[in-house]
Amino acid sequence: MAAPEGRGLGMNDYATHNLTAPRPSHQLYFASLLDPDLALSFPCNRCGEVQLDELSERARNNYFLARTAEKLGRDFGPPMVIALDNGSIH
């Protein structure tokens, strides 16, 4: 499986249809099993639910890649929910 493009996603990769929406309070974070400098993260709620319709096409494709790779035990480990306000992990 090919590695995802880039070294993770920034807020600009989360193209939304509603530009006035509040910034997410949490991130769903997938650490790479192969490269400690590579990770993918996606805005989510405190339960780890990602609003796929709010992601750009690139971010959505990377989300599906991370989920599939995590389930196969390849490339990415299980996701962690991280609170953005204080950095705590759920």
C-alpha atoms as a PDB file:
ATOM      1  CA  MET A   1       0.000   0.000   0.000  1.00  0.00           C
ATOM      2  CA  ALA A   2       1.407   3.373  -0.967  1.00  0.00           C
ATOM      3  CA  ALA A   3       2.048   5.972   1.680  1.00  0.00           C
ATOM      4  CA  PRO A   4      -0.352   8.914   1.681  1.00  0.00           C
ATOM      5  CA  GLU A   5       0.808  12.129   0.138  1.00  0.00           C
ATOM      6  CA  GLY A   6       2.367  14.605   2.541  1.00  0.00           C
ATOM      7  CA  ARG A   7       3.117  14.453   6.245  1.00  0.00           C
ATOM      8  CA  GLY A   8      -0.401  14.666   7.580  1.00  0.00           C
ATOM      9  CA  LEU A   9      -3.177  17.098   6.978  1.00  0.00           C
ATOM     10  CA  GLY A  10      -3.515  20.722   7.894  1.00  0.00           C
ATOM     11  CA  MET A  11      -6.714  22.628   8.458  1.00  0.00           C
ATOM     12  CA  ASN A  12      -6.666  23.743   4.793  1.00  0.00           C
ATOM     13  CA  ASP A  13      -7.227  20.128   3.749  1.00  0.00           C
ATOM     14  CA  TYR A  14     -10.616  20.130   5.489  1.00  0.00           C
ATOM     15  CA  ALA A  15     -12.516  22.061   2.831  1.00  0.00           C
ATOM     16  CA  THR A  16     -15.957  22.644   4.213  1.00  0.00           C
ATOM     17  CA  HIS A  17     -19.190  23.679   2.621  1.00  0.00           C
ATOM     18  CA  ASN A  18     -19.930  25.927   5.582  1.00  0.00           C
ATOM     19  CA  LEU A  19     -17.023  28.297   6.097  1.00  0.00           C
ATOM     20  CA  THR A  20     -18.642  29.756   9.207  1.00  0.00           C
ATOM     21  CA  ALA A  21     -18.656  26.395  11.025  1.00  0.00           C
ATOM     22  CA  PRO A  22     -16.745  26.401  14.318  1.00  0.00           C
ATOM     23  CA  ARG A  23     -13.305  24.824  14.434  1.00  0.00           C
ATOM     24  CA  PRO A  24     -13.425  21.194  15.577  1.00  0.00           C
ATOM     25  CA  SER A  25     -12.720  20.528  19.234  1.00  0.00           C
ATOM     26  CA  HIS A  26     -11.034  17.155  18.642  1.00  0.00           C
ATOM     27  CA  GLN A  27      -8.895  15.299  16.101  1.00  0.00           C
ATOM     28  CA  LEU A  28      -8.945  11.655  15.134  1.00  0.00           C
ATOM     29  CA  TYR A  29      -5.211  10.899  14.938  1.00  0.00           C
ATOM     30  CA  PHE A  30      -3.664   7.941  13.086  1.00  0.00           C
ATOM     31  CA  ALA A  31       0.061   7.422  13.765  1.00  0.00           C
ATOM     32  CA  SER A  32       2.129   5.641  11.137  1.00  0.00           C
ATOM     33  CA  LEU A  33       3.501   2.221  12.045  1.00  0.00           C
ATOM     34  CA  LEU A  34       6.314   2.695   9.519  1.00  0.00           C
ATOM     35  CA  ASP A  35       7.456   6.301   9.899  1.00  0.00           C
ATOM     36  CA  PRO A  36       7.276   8.113  13.273  1.00  0.00           C
ATOM     37  CA  ASP A  37       7.143  11.473  11.452  1.00  0.00           C
ATOM     38  CA  LEU A  38       4.054  10.505   9.431  1.00  0.00           C
ATOM     39  CA  ALA A  39       0.536  10.805  10.794  1.00  0.00           C
ATOM     40  CA  LEU A  40      -2.925  11.615   9.533  1.00  0.00           C
ATOM     41  CA  SER A  41      -5.494  13.530  11.557  1.00  0.00           C
ATOM     42  CA  PHE A  42      -9.068  14.554  10.904  1.00  0.00           C
ATOM     43  CA  PRO A  43     -11.504  16.862  12.683  1.00  0.00           C
ATOM     44  CA  CYS A  44     -14.000  14.939  14.781  1.00  0.00           C
ATOM     45  CA  ASN A  45     -16.302  15.172  17.763  1.00  0.00           C
ATOM     46  CA  ARG A  46     -15.341  13.945  21.223  1.00  0.00           C
ATOM     47  CA  CYS A  47     -16.524  10.415  20.298  1.00  0.00           C
ATOM     48  CA  GLY A  48     -14.189  10.251  17.291  1.00  0.00           C
ATOM     49  CA  GLU A  49     -16.929  10.639  14.686  1.00  0.00           C
ATOM     50  CA  VAL A  50     -15.692  12.359  11.518  1.00  0.00           C
ATOM     51  CA  GLN A  51     -18.127  14.320   9.352  1.00  0.00           C
ATOM     52  CA  LEU A  52     -17.061  12.959   5.959  1.00  0.00           C
ATOM     53  CA  ASP A  53     -19.149  15.499   4.057  1.00  0.00           C
ATOM     54  CA  GLU A  54     -17.077  18.278   5.623  1.00  0.00           C
ATOM     55  CA  LEU A  55     -13.739  16.865   4.363  1.00  0.00           C
ATOM     56  CA  SER A  56     -12.098  17.744   1.069  1.00  0.00           C
ATOM     57  CA  GLU A  57     -11.834  14.924  -1.449  1.00  0.00           C
ATOM     58  CA  ARG A  58      -8.136  14.479  -0.623  1.00  0.00           C
ATOM     59  CA  ALA A  59      -8.786  14.362   3.124  1.00  0.00           C
ATOM     60  CA  ARG A  60     -11.690  11.925   2.640  1.00  0.00           C
ATOM     61  CA  ASN A  61      -9.476   9.614   0.550  1.00  0.00           C
ATOM     62  CA  ASN A  62      -6.736   9.774   3.206  1.00  0.00           C
ATOM     63  CA  TYR A  63      -9.308   9.016   5.917  1.00  0.00           C
ATOM     64  CA  PHE A  64     -10.457   5.888   4.067  1.00  0.00           C
ATOM     65  CA  LEU A  65      -6.811   4.895   3.491  1.00  0.00           C
ATOM     66  CA  ALA A  66      -5.985   5.272   7.200  1.00  0.00           C
ATOM     67  CA  ARG A  67      -9.121   3.356   8.295  1.00  0.00           C
ATOM     68  CA  THR A  68      -8.442   0.502   5.860  1.00  0.00           C
ATOM     69  CA  ALA A  69      -4.733   0.294   6.709  1.00  0.00           C
ATOM     70  CA  GLU A  70      -5.513   0.362  10.439  1.00  0.00           C
ATOM     71  CA  LYS A  71      -8.014  -2.498  10.118  1.00  0.00           C
ATOM     72  CA  LEU A  72      -5.440  -4.552   8.190  1.00  0.00           C
ATOM     73  CA  GLY A  73      -2.738  -3.737  10.750  1.00  0.00           C
ATOM     74  CA  ARG A  74      -0.607  -2.110   8.059  1.00  0.00           C
ATOM     75  CA  ASP A  75       0.819   1.400   7.770  1.00  0.00           C
ATOM     76  CA  PHE A  76      -1.335   3.033  10.479  1.00  0.00           C
ATOM     77  CA  GLY A  77      -2.183   2.075  14.037  1.00  0.00           C
ATOM     78  CA  PRO A  78      -5.547   2.435  15.750  1.00  0.00           C
ATOM     79  CA  PRO A  79      -6.836   5.993  15.923  1.00  0.00           C
ATOM     80  CA  MET A  80      -6.710   8.192  19.016  1.00  0.00           C
ATOM     81  CA  VAL A  81      -9.124  11.024  19.775  1.00  0.00           C
ATOM     82  CA  ILE A  82      -7.175  14.113  20.823  1.00  0.00           C
ATOM     83  CA  ALA A  83      -8.819  17.167  22.388  1.00  0.00           C
ATOM     84  CA  LEU A  84      -7.460  20.261  20.660  1.00  0.00           C
ATOM     85  CA  ASP A  85      -7.986  22.657  23.560  1.00  0.00           C
ATOM     86  CA  ASN A  86      -5.583  20.943  25.974  1.00  0.00           C
ATOM     87  CA  GLY A  87      -3.977  18.108  24.006  1.00  0.00           C
ATOM     88  CA  SER A  88      -5.516  15.360  26.151  1.00  0.00           C
ATOM     89  CA  ILE A  89      -6.035  11.941  24.567  1.00  0.00           C
ATOM     90  CA  HIS A  90      -9.290   9.995  24.940  1.00  0.00           C
END
